[in-house]
Amino acid sequence: MRTGARAIAILMLLAAAAAGQAPPGGAAMPMPPAPPDTAVARFSWSGEPPRALTVWPDEALFGQEVIAILDHAPGASPPPVDSLRVDVPWLEPVAEAGAVGELPLPPPEGPRQYARYRIYREGPWRAAWDDREPGPVATVTGRVDDPRAIEPVRDPRPIGGVPLWVVILAAGVLTLLAIALLFRRWRRRRVALAIAHRQLAPPAWIEAAIRLRSLEQEALLDRDHLDAVARVLRRYLHGRFFIAAEEMTADEVRAAARRAGWAGETLDRFADLLAACDDARYAPDLIGSRRLRDCLATTLDLIEAVRIEPIWTPVPASELAEAKAAWSWLRERYPATAAARGVRC
């Protein structure tokens, strides 16, 4: 009953448009109001617009074919129907349109064209030509479930979201960043633990004082005694000035001290003492006890001038007490007088 009433209304409107006059009764037939969600599909082409634009059927299913009927004025020469355009994506032209069967329409007075579309939108919609007022409301209810349909039923709406490759790339970058942060944290924690467990070396003079006292208490020959003093002195330079003096000559000690930025006068006196010890060790003449005493006194004077007390360094109390006792014992045997006479071995 509803379809029949709409068909009668469409036929009366077409008849009125073809005759160019209002339908019987002297007033235009009122058009039912369109629902708020009614969509409008506007058709256009480059030629003369048709006299009437009708869509059949007025009730269709999602994915079903609908036909746009274009009636032209008598004697008009409209362009091919292939040039017809529509401004909505949910009306797609049927690629291979067959012949249109008999439609419940009055015979045309002029040329009539048919354009077949497949509709992919649910709800009410209206057809319009360019900027003219839209025609009657048509509806789309339900969906086509016939597997023999020419084209598969689908929604032309774009799929939202982020592309898969962007998700994979972002996940990879975040994973690498997390690995880098964890590795950096692990390295910093490892260094912190190593520093926390590292035993700071005690001041170099502590070891030198204990070893020099041991040399004095041993019965060494003159040359062996002097050679042992030179080894103690080189080891002290390594611990106090961070110079690898144990494998260096006196000239190499001077060059290394200047590269490290140490004061030239202090390290030069140490280097002169090393050179004097080396020369005396390989001298053909015997080394007298006086020269040995001068070398030992000079060694003590130079160490005392630059030694550092263990304020923050954790030195065992017994070791520190032994070093202080050794130093006092050496200073009693070799008072601070040799430095004033210069370095001489």
C-alpha atoms as a PDB file:
ATOM      1  CA  MET A   1       0.000   0.000   0.000  1.00  0.00           C
ATOM      2  CA  ARG A   2       2.814   2.396   0.864  1.00  0.00           C
ATOM      3  CA  THR A   3       4.711   1.665  -2.361  1.00  0.00           C
ATOM      4  CA  GLY A   4       1.571   2.126  -4.426  1.00  0.00           C
ATOM      5  CA  ALA A   5       0.812   5.508  -2.886  1.00  0.00           C
ATOM      6  CA  ARG A   6       4.339   6.745  -3.560  1.00  0.00           C
ATOM      7  CA  ALA A   7       4.197   5.472  -7.141  1.00  0.00           C
ATOM      8  CA  ILE A   8       0.915   7.339  -7.713  1.00  0.00           C
ATOM      9  CA  ALA A   9       2.442  10.525  -6.290  1.00  0.00           C
ATOM     10  CA  ILE A  10       5.494  10.187  -8.558  1.00  0.00           C
ATOM     11  CA  LEU A  11       3.287   9.621 -11.625  1.00  0.00           C
ATOM     12  CA  MET A  12       1.208  12.693 -10.843  1.00  0.00           C
ATOM     13  CA  LEU A  13       4.343  14.834 -10.418  1.00  0.00           C
ATOM     14  CA  LEU A  14       5.772  13.603 -13.727  1.00  0.00           C
ATOM     15  CA  ALA A  15       2.508  14.266 -15.494  1.00  0.00           C
ATOM     16  CA  ALA A  16       2.362  17.768 -14.065  1.00  0.00           C
ATOM     17  CA  ALA A  17       5.981  18.459 -15.066  1.00  0.00           C
ATOM     18  CA  ALA A  18       5.375  17.133 -18.598  1.00  0.00           C
ATOM     19  CA  ALA A  19       2.268  19.267 -19.072  1.00  0.00           C
ATOM     20  CA  GLY A  20       3.941  22.340 -17.573  1.00  0.00           C
ATOM     21  CA  GLN A  21       0.965  22.992 -15.311  1.00  0.00           C
ATOM     22  CA  ALA A  22      -0.166  22.234 -11.775  1.00  0.00           C
ATOM     23  CA  PRO A  23      -2.094  19.045 -11.055  1.00  0.00           C
ATOM     24  CA  PRO A  24      -5.912  19.173 -10.795  1.00  0.00           C
ATOM     25  CA  GLY A  25      -7.182  21.118  -7.868  1.00  0.00           C
ATOM     26  CA  GLY A  26      -5.353  24.371  -8.704  1.00  0.00           C
ATOM     27  CA  ALA A  27      -2.548  23.846  -6.133  1.00  0.00           C
ATOM     28  CA  ALA A  28       0.709  21.914  -6.166  1.00  0.00           C
ATOM     29  CA  MET A  29       0.669  18.576  -4.362  1.00  0.00           C
ATOM     30  CA  PRO A  30       2.456  18.926  -1.034  1.00  0.00           C
ATOM     31  CA  MET A  31       5.650  16.848  -0.733  1.00  0.00           C
ATOM     32  CA  PRO A  32       6.073  14.841   2.475  1.00  0.00           C
ATOM     33  CA  PRO A  33       8.748  16.297   4.771  1.00  0.00           C
ATOM     34  CA  ALA A  34      12.147  14.620   4.644  1.00  0.00           C
ATOM     35  CA  PRO A  35      13.619  13.050   7.815  1.00  0.00           C
ATOM     36  CA  PRO A  36      16.574  14.917   9.378  1.00  0.00           C
ATOM     37  CA  ASP A  37      19.097  12.255   8.333  1.00  0.00           C
ATOM     38  CA  THR A  38      18.085  12.295   4.661  1.00  0.00           C
ATOM     39  CA  ALA A  39      21.055  12.327   2.293  1.00  0.00           C
ATOM     40  CA  VAL A  40      21.069  14.153  -1.055  1.00  0.00           C
ATOM     41  CA  ALA A  41      22.749  12.796  -4.187  1.00  0.00           C
ATOM     42  CA  ARG A  42      23.266  15.539  -6.775  1.00  0.00           C
ATOM     43  CA  PHE A  43      23.652  14.632 -10.449  1.00  0.00           C
ATOM     44  CA  SER A  44      25.239  16.840 -13.106  1.00  0.00           C
ATOM     45  CA  TRP A  45      26.807  16.927 -16.545  1.00  0.00           C
ATOM     46  CA  SER A  46      27.989  19.540 -19.025  1.00  0.00           C
ATOM     47  CA  GLY A  47      24.854  19.573 -21.196  1.00  0.00           C
ATOM     48  CA  GLU A  48      21.331  20.944 -20.861  1.00  0.00           C
ATOM     49  CA  PRO A  49      19.718  19.648 -17.656  1.00  0.00           C
ATOM     50  CA  PRO A  50      16.758  17.315 -17.997  1.00  0.00           C
ATOM     51  CA  ARG A  51      13.189  18.407 -17.446  1.00  0.00           C
ATOM     52  CA  ALA A  52      12.623  15.786 -14.754  1.00  0.00           C
ATOM     53  CA  LEU A  53      14.845  13.485 -12.680  1.00  0.00           C
ATOM     54  CA  THR A  54      13.260  10.436 -11.090  1.00  0.00           C
ATOM     55  CA  VAL A  55      14.724   7.518  -9.143  1.00  0.00           C
ATOM     56  CA  TRP A  56      13.146   4.084  -9.220  1.00  0.00           C
ATOM     57  CA  PRO A  57      12.369   2.159  -7.041  1.00  0.00           C
ATOM     58  CA  ASP A  58      11.646   4.413  -4.102  1.00  0.00           C
ATOM     59  CA  GLU A  59      12.329   1.527  -1.695  1.00  0.00           C
ATOM     60  CA  ALA A  60      15.489  -0.531  -2.164  1.00  0.00           C
ATOM     61  CA  LEU A  61      17.864  -2.766  -0.268  1.00  0.00           C
ATOM     62  CA  PHE A  62      21.501  -2.019   0.551  1.00  0.00           C
ATOM     63  CA  GLY A  63      23.482  -3.192  -2.512  1.00  0.00           C
ATOM     64  CA  GLN A  64      20.482  -3.234  -4.855  1.00  0.00           C
ATOM     65  CA  GLU A  65      20.345  -1.492  -8.219  1.00  0.00           C
ATOM     66  CA  VAL A  66      18.424   1.770  -8.571  1.00  0.00           C
ATOM     67  CA  ILE A  67      17.697   3.587 -11.816  1.00  0.00           C
ATOM     68  CA  ALA A  68      17.996   7.337 -12.386  1.00  0.00           C
ATOM     69  CA  ILE A  69      15.456   8.345 -15.062  1.00  0.00           C
ATOM     70  CA  LEU A  70      16.128  11.556 -17.004  1.00  0.00           C
ATOM     71  CA  ASP A  71      13.259  13.003 -19.063  1.00  0.00           C
ATOM     72  CA  HIS A  72      14.198  15.761 -21.525  1.00  0.00           C
ATOM     73  CA  ALA A  73      12.172  18.341 -23.390  1.00  0.00           C
ATOM     74  CA  PRO A  74      10.898  17.419 -26.870  1.00  0.00           C
ATOM     75  CA  GLY A  75      13.565  17.888 -29.507  1.00  0.00           C
ATOM     76  CA  ALA A  76      16.437  18.030 -26.992  1.00  0.00           C
ATOM     77  CA  SER A  77      19.753  16.332 -27.773  1.00  0.00           C
ATOM     78  CA  PRO A  78      21.177  15.292 -24.406  1.00  0.00           C
ATOM     79  CA  PRO A  79      24.775  14.068 -24.075  1.00  0.00           C
ATOM     80  CA  PRO A  80      25.469  10.366 -23.490  1.00  0.00           C
ATOM     81  CA  VAL A  81      24.391   9.042 -20.146  1.00  0.00           C
ATOM     82  CA  ASP A  82      27.983   7.931 -19.513  1.00  0.00           C
ATOM     83  CA  SER A  83      28.897  11.564 -18.833  1.00  0.00           C
ATOM     84  CA  LEU A  84      26.469  11.718 -15.927  1.00  0.00           C
ATOM     85  CA  ARG A  85      28.200  12.433 -12.610  1.00  0.00           C
ATOM     86  CA  VAL A  86      27.051  12.082  -9.028  1.00  0.00           C
ATOM     87  CA  ASP A  87      28.718  13.723  -6.003  1.00  0.00           C
ATOM     88  CA  VAL A  88      28.336  10.873  -3.449  1.00  0.00           C
ATOM     89  CA  PRO A  89      30.481   7.727  -3.117  1.00  0.00           C
ATOM     90  CA  TRP A  90      27.626   5.443  -2.130  1.00  0.00           C
ATOM     91  CA  LEU A  91      26.091   5.455  -5.616  1.00  0.00           C
ATOM     92  CA  GLU A  92      28.299   3.461  -7.988  1.00  0.00           C
ATOM     93  CA  PRO A  93      27.520   3.076 -11.687  1.00  0.00           C
ATOM     94  CA  VAL A  94      26.775  -0.443 -12.836  1.00  0.00           C
ATOM     95  CA  ALA A  95      29.552  -1.410 -15.238  1.00  0.00           C
ATOM     96  CA  GLU A  96      27.511  -3.542 -17.631  1.00  0.00           C
ATOM     97  CA  ALA A  97      23.997  -2.211 -17.513  1.00  0.00           C
ATOM     98  CA  GLY A  98      21.423  -4.351 -19.237  1.00  0.00           C
ATOM     99  CA  ALA A  99      18.139  -3.284 -20.743  1.00  0.00           C
ATOM    100  CA  VAL A 100      15.655  -1.532 -18.483  1.00  0.00           C
ATOM    101  CA  GLY A 101      12.365  -3.339 -18.276  1.00  0.00           C
ATOM    102  CA  GLU A 102       8.915  -1.772 -18.141  1.00  0.00           C
ATOM    103  CA  LEU A 103       8.590   0.886 -15.455  1.00  0.00           C
ATOM    104  CA  PRO A 104       5.369   2.336 -13.994  1.00  0.00           C
ATOM    105  CA  LEU A 105       5.859   5.695 -15.710  1.00  0.00           C
ATOM    106  CA  PRO A 106       3.838   7.620 -18.265  1.00  0.00           C
ATOM    107  CA  PRO A 107       5.235   7.675 -21.802  1.00  0.00           C
ATOM    108  CA  PRO A 108       7.829  10.455 -22.310  1.00  0.00           C
ATOM    109  CA  GLU A 109       7.228  13.450 -24.567  1.00  0.00           C
ATOM    110  CA  GLY A 110      10.921  13.823 -25.310  1.00  0.00           C
ATOM    111  CA  PRO A 111      14.114  11.768 -25.043  1.00  0.00           C
ATOM    112  CA  ARG A 112      14.378   9.539 -21.953  1.00  0.00           C
ATOM    113  CA  GLN A 113      17.641   8.230 -20.520  1.00  0.00           C
ATOM    114  CA  TYR A 114      18.379   5.627 -17.883  1.00  0.00           C
ATOM    115  CA  ALA A 115      21.401   5.459 -15.579  1.00  0.00           C
ATOM    116  CA  ARG A 116      21.783   2.371 -13.379  1.00  0.00           C
ATOM    117  CA  TYR A 117      23.539   2.537 -10.016  1.00  0.00           C
ATOM    118  CA  ARG A 118      24.148   0.240  -7.087  1.00  0.00           C
ATOM    119  CA  ILE A 119      23.362   1.898  -3.757  1.00  0.00           C
ATOM    120  CA  TYR A 120      25.569   1.371  -0.728  1.00  0.00           C
ATOM    121  CA  ARG A 121      23.859   3.430   1.955  1.00  0.00           C
ATOM    122  CA  GLU A 122      21.116   2.649   4.426  1.00  0.00           C
ATOM    123  CA  GLY A 123      18.437   5.173   5.305  1.00  0.00           C
ATOM    124  CA  PRO A 124      16.505   7.858   3.441  1.00  0.00           C
ATOM    125  CA  TRP A 125      17.931   9.758   0.482  1.00  0.00           C
ATOM    126  CA  ARG A 126      16.834  12.111  -2.293  1.00  0.00           C
ATOM    127  CA  ALA A 127      18.064  12.781  -5.828  1.00  0.00           C
ATOM    128  CA  ALA A 128      18.613  16.330  -7.149  1.00  0.00           C
ATOM    129  CA  TRP A 129      19.951  17.949 -10.286  1.00  0.00           C
ATOM    130  CA  ASP A 130      22.770  20.405  -9.572  1.00  0.00           C
ATOM    131  CA  ASP A 131      21.321  23.268  -7.521  1.00  0.00           C
ATOM    132  CA  ARG A 132      17.656  22.403  -7.945  1.00  0.00           C
ATOM    133  CA  GLU A 133      15.453  21.269  -5.130  1.00  0.00           C
ATOM    134  CA  PRO A 134      15.709  17.529  -4.362  1.00  0.00           C
ATOM    135  CA  GLY A 135      12.972  15.176  -5.397  1.00  0.00           C
ATOM    136  CA  PRO A 136      10.880  12.797  -3.309  1.00  0.00           C
ATOM    137  CA  VAL A 137      12.424  10.795  -0.481  1.00  0.00           C
ATOM    138  CA  ALA A 138      13.530   7.254  -1.239  1.00  0.00           C
ATOM    139  CA  THR A 139      14.577   4.759   1.403  1.00  0.00           C
ATOM    140  CA  VAL A 140      17.081   1.927   1.725  1.00  0.00           C
ATOM    141  CA  THR A 141      16.178  -0.769   4.249  1.00  0.00           C
ATOM    142  CA  GLY A 142      17.974  -4.018   4.922  1.00  0.00           C
ATOM    143  CA  ARG A 143      20.659  -5.577   2.774  1.00  0.00           C
ATOM    144  CA  VAL A 144      20.920  -7.762  -0.274  1.00  0.00           C
ATOM    145  CA  ASP A 145      21.727 -11.334   0.703  1.00  0.00           C
ATOM    146  CA  ASP A 146      21.354 -12.940  -2.720  1.00  0.00           C
ATOM    147  CA  PRO A 147      24.676 -14.653  -3.636  1.00  0.00           C
ATOM    148  CA  ARG A 148      23.766 -14.314  -7.332  1.00  0.00           C
ATOM    149  CA  ALA A 149      24.175 -10.548  -7.169  1.00  0.00           C
ATOM    150  CA  ILE A 150      26.434  -9.085  -9.857  1.00  0.00           C
ATOM    151  CA  GLU A 151      28.722  -7.300  -7.389  1.00  0.00           C
ATOM    152  CA  PRO A 152      29.505  -8.097  -3.750  1.00  0.00           C
ATOM    153  CA  VAL A 153      27.822  -5.971  -1.153  1.00  0.00           C
ATOM    154  CA  ARG A 154      30.321  -3.741   0.585  1.00  0.00           C
ATOM    155  CA  ASP A 155      30.567  -0.472   2.484  1.00  0.00           C
ATOM    156  CA  PRO A 156      32.573   2.229   0.662  1.00  0.00           C
ATOM    157  CA  ARG A 157      33.543   3.856   3.964  1.00  0.00           C
ATOM    158  CA  PRO A 158      37.312   4.109   4.483  1.00  0.00           C
ATOM    159  CA  ILE A 159      38.748   1.925   7.227  1.00  0.00           C
ATOM    160  CA  GLY A 160      40.004   4.084  10.070  1.00  0.00           C
ATOM    161  CA  GLY A 161      43.119   3.619  12.158  1.00  0.00           C
ATOM    162  CA  VAL A 162      46.862   3.710  11.578  1.00  0.00           C
ATOM    163  CA  PRO A 163      48.482   1.618   8.792  1.00  0.00           C
ATOM    164  CA  LEU A 164      50.125  -1.577   9.902  1.00  0.00           C
ATOM    165  CA  TRP A 165      53.605  -0.562   8.689  1.00  0.00           C
ATOM    166  CA  VAL A 166      53.435   2.612  10.786  1.00  0.00           C
ATOM    167  CA  VAL A 167      52.531   0.562  13.864  1.00  0.00           C
ATOM    168  CA  ILE A 168      55.406  -1.876  13.219  1.00  0.00           C
ATOM    169  CA  LEU A 169      57.890   0.960  12.640  1.00  0.00           C
ATOM    170  CA  ALA A 170      56.809   2.802  15.783  1.00  0.00           C
ATOM    171  CA  ALA A 171      57.007  -0.397  17.821  1.00  0.00           C
ATOM    172  CA  GLY A 172      60.519  -1.065  16.496  1.00  0.00           C
ATOM    173  CA  VAL A 173      61.703   2.454  17.315  1.00  0.00           C
ATOM    174  CA  LEU A 174      60.222   2.281  20.817  1.00  0.00           C
ATOM    175  CA  THR A 175      61.824  -1.118  21.372  1.00  0.00           C
ATOM    176  CA  LEU A 176      65.253   0.150  20.314  1.00  0.00           C
ATOM    177  CA  LEU A 177      64.844   3.216  22.520  1.00  0.00           C
ATOM    178  CA  ALA A 178      63.905   1.057  25.502  1.00  0.00           C
ATOM    179  CA  ILE A 179      66.906  -1.215  24.904  1.00  0.00           C
ATOM    180  CA  ALA A 180      69.224   1.802  24.660  1.00  0.00           C
ATOM    181  CA  LEU A 181      67.873   3.287  27.894  1.00  0.00           C
ATOM    182  CA  LEU A 182      68.184  -0.034  29.739  1.00  0.00           C
ATOM    183  CA  PHE A 183      71.736  -0.524  28.434  1.00  0.00           C
ATOM    184  CA  ARG A 184      72.712   2.994  29.484  1.00  0.00           C
ATOM    185  CA  ARG A 185      71.220   2.466  32.928  1.00  0.00           C
ATOM    186  CA  TRP A 186      73.013  -0.868  33.256  1.00  0.00           C
ATOM    187  CA  ARG A 187      76.348   0.685  32.304  1.00  0.00           C
ATOM    188  CA  ARG A 188      75.954   3.573  34.735  1.00  0.00           C
ATOM    189  CA  ARG A 189      74.968   1.209  37.526  1.00  0.00           C
ATOM    190  CA  ARG A 190      77.914  -1.034  36.712  1.00  0.00           C
ATOM    191  CA  VAL A 191      80.355   1.894  36.819  1.00  0.00           C
ATOM    192  CA  ALA A 192      78.805   3.148  40.055  1.00  0.00           C
ATOM    193  CA  LEU A 193      79.149  -0.263  41.659  1.00  0.00           C
ATOM    194  CA  ALA A 194      82.726  -0.573  40.445  1.00  0.00           C
ATOM    195  CA  ILE A 195      83.595   2.823  41.910  1.00  0.00           C
ATOM    196  CA  ALA A 196      81.845   2.006  45.171  1.00  0.00           C
ATOM    197  CA  HIS A 197      83.769  -1.248  45.580  1.00  0.00           C
ATOM    198  CA  ARG A 198      87.084   0.102  44.369  1.00  0.00           C
ATOM    199  CA  GLN A 199      89.720   0.443  47.072  1.00  0.00           C
ATOM    200  CA  LEU A 200      91.473   3.778  46.854  1.00  0.00           C
ATOM    201  CA  ALA A 201      95.232   3.479  46.866  1.00  0.00           C
ATOM    202  CA  PRO A 202      96.898   4.898  49.974  1.00  0.00           C
ATOM    203  CA  PRO A 203      99.378   7.799  49.592  1.00  0.00           C
ATOM    204  CA  ALA A 204     102.557   6.652  47.870  1.00  0.00           C
ATOM    205  CA  TRP A 205     104.890   7.830  50.650  1.00  0.00           C
ATOM    206  CA  ILE A 206     103.495   5.167  53.034  1.00  0.00           C
ATOM    207  CA  GLU A 207     104.818   2.313  50.911  1.00  0.00           C
ATOM    208  CA  ALA A 208     108.057   4.213  50.166  1.00  0.00           C
ATOM    209  CA  ALA A 209     108.783   4.809  53.878  1.00  0.00           C
ATOM    210  CA  ILE A 210     108.240   1.164  54.795  1.00  0.00           C
ATOM    211  CA  ARG A 211     110.386  -0.130  51.920  1.00  0.00           C
ATOM    212  CA  LEU A 212     113.226   2.361  52.538  1.00  0.00           C
ATOM    213  CA  ARG A 213     113.393   1.350  56.195  1.00  0.00           C
ATOM    214  CA  SER A 214     113.546  -2.318  55.135  1.00  0.00           C
ATOM    215  CA  LEU A 215     116.459  -1.504  52.806  1.00  0.00           C
ATOM    216  CA  GLU A 216     118.309   0.223  55.599  1.00  0.00           C
ATOM    217  CA  GLN A 217     117.853  -2.793  57.838  1.00  0.00           C
ATOM    218  CA  GLU A 218     119.162  -5.211  55.192  1.00  0.00           C
ATOM    219  CA  ALA A 219     122.857  -5.831  54.632  1.00  0.00           C
ATOM    220  CA  LEU A 220     123.038  -4.926  50.915  1.00  0.00           C
ATOM    221  CA  LEU A 221     126.097  -4.040  48.875  1.00  0.00           C
ATOM    222  CA  ASP A 222     126.537  -0.416  47.928  1.00  0.00           C
ATOM    223  CA  ARG A 223     125.450  -0.817  44.304  1.00  0.00           C
ATOM    224  CA  ASP A 224     122.523  -3.075  45.194  1.00  0.00           C
ATOM    225  CA  HIS A 225     121.449  -0.642  47.855  1.00  0.00           C
ATOM    226  CA  LEU A 226     121.496   2.268  45.423  1.00  0.00           C
ATOM    227  CA  ASP A 227     119.627   0.243  42.771  1.00  0.00           C
ATOM    228  CA  ALA A 228     116.912  -0.633  45.315  1.00  0.00           C
ATOM    229  CA  VAL A 229     116.568   3.024  46.314  1.00  0.00           C
ATOM    230  CA  ALA A 230     116.084   3.982  42.653  1.00  0.00           C
ATOM    231  CA  ARG A 231     113.326   1.339  42.295  1.00  0.00           C
ATOM    232  CA  VAL A 232     111.547   2.706  45.360  1.00  0.00           C
ATOM    233  CA  LEU A 233     111.833   6.217  43.968  1.00  0.00           C
ATOM    234  CA  ARG A 234     110.426   5.203  40.585  1.00  0.00           C
ATOM    235  CA  ARG A 235     107.504   3.411  42.224  1.00  0.00           C
ATOM    236  CA  TYR A 236     106.813   6.489  44.320  1.00  0.00           C
ATOM    237  CA  LEU A 237     106.680   8.682  41.210  1.00  0.00           C
ATOM    238  CA  HIS A 238     104.178   6.251  39.707  1.00  0.00           C
ATOM    239  CA  GLY A 239     101.918   6.363  42.755  1.00  0.00           C
ATOM    240  CA  ARG A 240     102.223  10.095  43.481  1.00  0.00           C
ATOM    241  CA  PHE A 241     102.338  11.672  40.002  1.00  0.00           C
ATOM    242  CA  PHE A 242     100.749   8.860  37.911  1.00  0.00           C
ATOM    243  CA  ILE A 243     103.813   8.613  35.692  1.00  0.00           C
ATOM    244  CA  ALA A 244     104.950   5.162  34.587  1.00  0.00           C
ATOM    245  CA  ALA A 245     108.463   5.896  35.848  1.00  0.00           C
ATOM    246  CA  GLU A 246     109.258   2.248  36.664  1.00  0.00           C
ATOM    247  CA  GLU A 247     110.133   1.644  32.999  1.00  0.00           C
ATOM    248  CA  MET A 248     111.517   5.118  32.181  1.00  0.00           C
ATOM    249  CA  THR A 249     114.879   6.809  32.165  1.00  0.00           C
ATOM    250  CA  ALA A 250     115.434  10.169  33.841  1.00  0.00           C
ATOM    251  CA  ASP A 251     114.917  12.083  30.563  1.00  0.00           C
ATOM    252  CA  GLU A 252     111.712  10.168  29.856  1.00  0.00           C
ATOM    253  CA  VAL A 253     110.432  11.061  33.321  1.00  0.00           C
ATOM    254  CA  ARG A 254     111.020  14.759  32.588  1.00  0.00           C
ATOM    255  CA  ALA A 255     109.174  14.542  29.256  1.00  0.00           C
ATOM    256  CA  ALA A 256     106.240  12.628  30.776  1.00  0.00           C
ATOM    257  CA  ALA A 257     105.958  15.144  33.633  1.00  0.00           C
ATOM    258  CA  ARG A 258     105.762  18.066  31.196  1.00  0.00           C
ATOM    259  CA  ARG A 259     103.108  16.286  29.091  1.00  0.00           C
ATOM    260  CA  ALA A 260     101.069  15.667  32.256  1.00  0.00           C
ATOM    261  CA  GLY A 261     101.345  19.331  33.290  1.00  0.00           C
ATOM    262  CA  TRP A 262     103.291  18.880  36.520  1.00  0.00           C
ATOM    263  CA  ALA A 263     105.514  21.686  37.792  1.00  0.00           C
ATOM    264  CA  GLY A 264     108.900  21.441  36.106  1.00  0.00           C
ATOM    265  CA  GLU A 265     111.110  22.178  39.131  1.00  0.00           C
ATOM    266  CA  THR A 266     109.660  19.455  41.370  1.00  0.00           C
ATOM    267  CA  LEU A 267     109.827  16.651  38.819  1.00  0.00           C
ATOM    268  CA  ASP A 268     113.216  17.862  37.516  1.00  0.00           C
ATOM    269  CA  ARG A 269     114.770  17.275  40.947  1.00  0.00           C
ATOM    270  CA  PHE A 270     113.318  13.759  41.034  1.00  0.00           C
ATOM    271  CA  ALA A 271     114.663  13.143  37.527  1.00  0.00           C
ATOM    272  CA  ASP A 272     118.118  14.478  38.528  1.00  0.00           C
ATOM    273  CA  LEU A 273     118.170  12.115  41.500  1.00  0.00           C
ATOM    274  CA  LEU A 274     117.242   9.151  39.268  1.00  0.00           C
ATOM    275  CA  ALA A 275     119.954  10.121  36.782  1.00  0.00           C
ATOM    276  CA  ALA A 276     122.524  10.350  39.603  1.00  0.00           C
ATOM    277  CA  CYS A 277     121.511   6.915  40.942  1.00  0.00           C
ATOM    278  CA  ASP A 278     121.770   5.376  37.473  1.00  0.00           C
ATOM    279  CA  ASP A 279     125.181   6.938  36.834  1.00  0.00           C
ATOM    280  CA  ALA A 280     126.561   5.798  40.198  1.00  0.00           C
ATOM    281  CA  ARG A 281     125.199   2.302  39.766  1.00  0.00           C
ATOM    282  CA  TYR A 282     127.196   1.753  36.571  1.00  0.00           C
ATOM    283  CA  ALA A 283     130.269   3.811  37.602  1.00  0.00           C
ATOM    284  CA  PRO A 284     133.608   1.900  37.662  1.00  0.00           C
ATOM    285  CA  ASP A 285     134.575   3.330  41.035  1.00  0.00           C
ATOM    286  CA  LEU A 286     133.166   2.094  44.286  1.00  0.00           C
ATOM    287  CA  ILE A 287     130.367   4.056  45.941  1.00  0.00           C
ATOM    288  CA  GLY A 288     131.213   5.454  49.281  1.00  0.00           C
ATOM    289  CA  SER A 289     128.916   5.475  52.273  1.00  0.00           C
ATOM    290  CA  ARG A 290     128.823   9.271  52.163  1.00  0.00           C
ATOM    291  CA  ARG A 291     127.280   9.253  48.700  1.00  0.00           C
ATOM    292  CA  LEU A 292     124.742   6.661  49.773  1.00  0.00           C
ATOM    293  CA  ARG A 293     123.705   8.803  52.728  1.00  0.00           C
ATOM    294  CA  ASP A 294     123.361  11.871  50.515  1.00  0.00           C
ATOM    295  CA  CYS A 295     121.177   9.977  48.024  1.00  0.00           C
ATOM    296  CA  LEU A 296     118.937   8.625  50.780  1.00  0.00           C
ATOM    297  CA  ALA A 297     118.669  12.013  52.474  1.00  0.00           C
ATOM    298  CA  THR A 298     117.837  13.711  49.177  1.00  0.00           C
ATOM    299  CA  THR A 299     115.205  11.052  48.441  1.00  0.00           C
ATOM    300  CA  LEU A 300     113.568  11.660  51.807  1.00  0.00           C
ATOM    301  CA  ASP A 301     113.689  15.452  51.330  1.00  0.00           C
ATOM    302  CA  LEU A 302     112.017  15.292  47.897  1.00  0.00           C
ATOM    303  CA  ILE A 303     109.310  12.877  49.065  1.00  0.00           C
ATOM    304  CA  GLU A 304     108.612  14.944  52.180  1.00  0.00           C
ATOM    305  CA  ALA A 305     108.187  18.090  50.081  1.00  0.00           C
ATOM    306  CA  VAL A 306     105.292  16.642  48.032  1.00  0.00           C
ATOM    307  CA  ARG A 307     103.806  13.894  50.191  1.00  0.00           C
ATOM    308  CA  ILE A 308     100.079  13.894  50.982  1.00  0.00           C
ATOM    309  CA  GLU A 309      98.580  12.829  54.280  1.00  0.00           C
ATOM    310  CA  PRO A 310      95.744  10.271  54.139  1.00  0.00           C
ATOM    311  CA  ILE A 311      92.801  12.537  55.052  1.00  0.00           C
ATOM    312  CA  TRP A 312      90.030  10.884  52.970  1.00  0.00           C
ATOM    313  CA  THR A 313      91.888   7.751  51.887  1.00  0.00           C
ATOM    314  CA  PRO A 314      90.911   4.662  53.903  1.00  0.00           C
ATOM    315  CA  VAL A 315      94.302   3.486  55.180  1.00  0.00           C
ATOM    316  CA  PRO A 316      94.390   0.793  57.885  1.00  0.00           C
ATOM    317  CA  ALA A 317      95.500   2.230  61.199  1.00  0.00           C
ATOM    318  CA  SER A 318      98.223  -0.362  61.659  1.00  0.00           C
ATOM    319  CA  GLU A 319      99.732   0.374  58.250  1.00  0.00           C
ATOM    320  CA  LEU A 320      99.621   4.129  58.816  1.00  0.00           C
ATOM    321  CA  ALA A 321     101.260   3.765  62.232  1.00  0.00           C
ATOM    322  CA  GLU A 322     104.003   1.582  60.745  1.00  0.00           C
ATOM    323  CA  ALA A 323     104.633   4.121  57.954  1.00  0.00           C
ATOM    324  CA  LYS A 324     104.871   7.025  60.397  1.00  0.00           C
ATOM    325  CA  ALA A 325     107.262   5.090  62.614  1.00  0.00           C
ATOM    326  CA  ALA A 326     109.392   4.179  59.576  1.00  0.00           C
ATOM    327  CA  TRP A 327     109.462   7.770  58.417  1.00  0.00           C
ATOM    328  CA  SER A 328     110.488   9.068  61.842  1.00  0.00           C
ATOM    329  CA  TRP A 329     113.209   6.420  62.055  1.00  0.00           C
ATOM    330  CA  LEU A 330     114.570   7.405  58.595  1.00  0.00           C
ATOM    331  CA  ARG A 331     114.517  11.115  59.389  1.00  0.00           C
ATOM    332  CA  GLU A 332     116.501  10.517  62.534  1.00  0.00           C
ATOM    333  CA  ARG A 333     119.151   8.668  60.534  1.00  0.00           C
ATOM    334  CA  TYR A 334     119.072  11.127  57.606  1.00  0.00           C
ATOM    335  CA  PRO A 335     118.209  14.683  58.709  1.00  0.00           C
ATOM    336  CA  ALA A 336     116.962  17.214  56.164  1.00  0.00           C
ATOM    337  CA  THR A 337     120.343  18.675  55.229  1.00  0.00           C
ATOM    338  CA  ALA A 338     121.247  16.996  51.953  1.00  0.00           C
ATOM    339  CA  ALA A 339     118.706  18.902  49.852  1.00  0.00           C
ATOM    340  CA  ALA A 340     120.503  22.132  50.545  1.00  0.00           C
ATOM    341  CA  ARG A 341     123.680  20.730  49.070  1.00  0.00           C
ATOM    342  CA  GLY A 342     121.938  19.672  45.837  1.00  0.00           C
ATOM    343  CA  VAL A 343     121.442  16.273  44.323  1.00  0.00           C
ATOM    344  CA  ARG A 344     124.601  14.216  44.450  1.00  0.00           C
ATOM    345  CA  CYS A 345     125.084  10.424  44.421  1.00  0.00           C
END
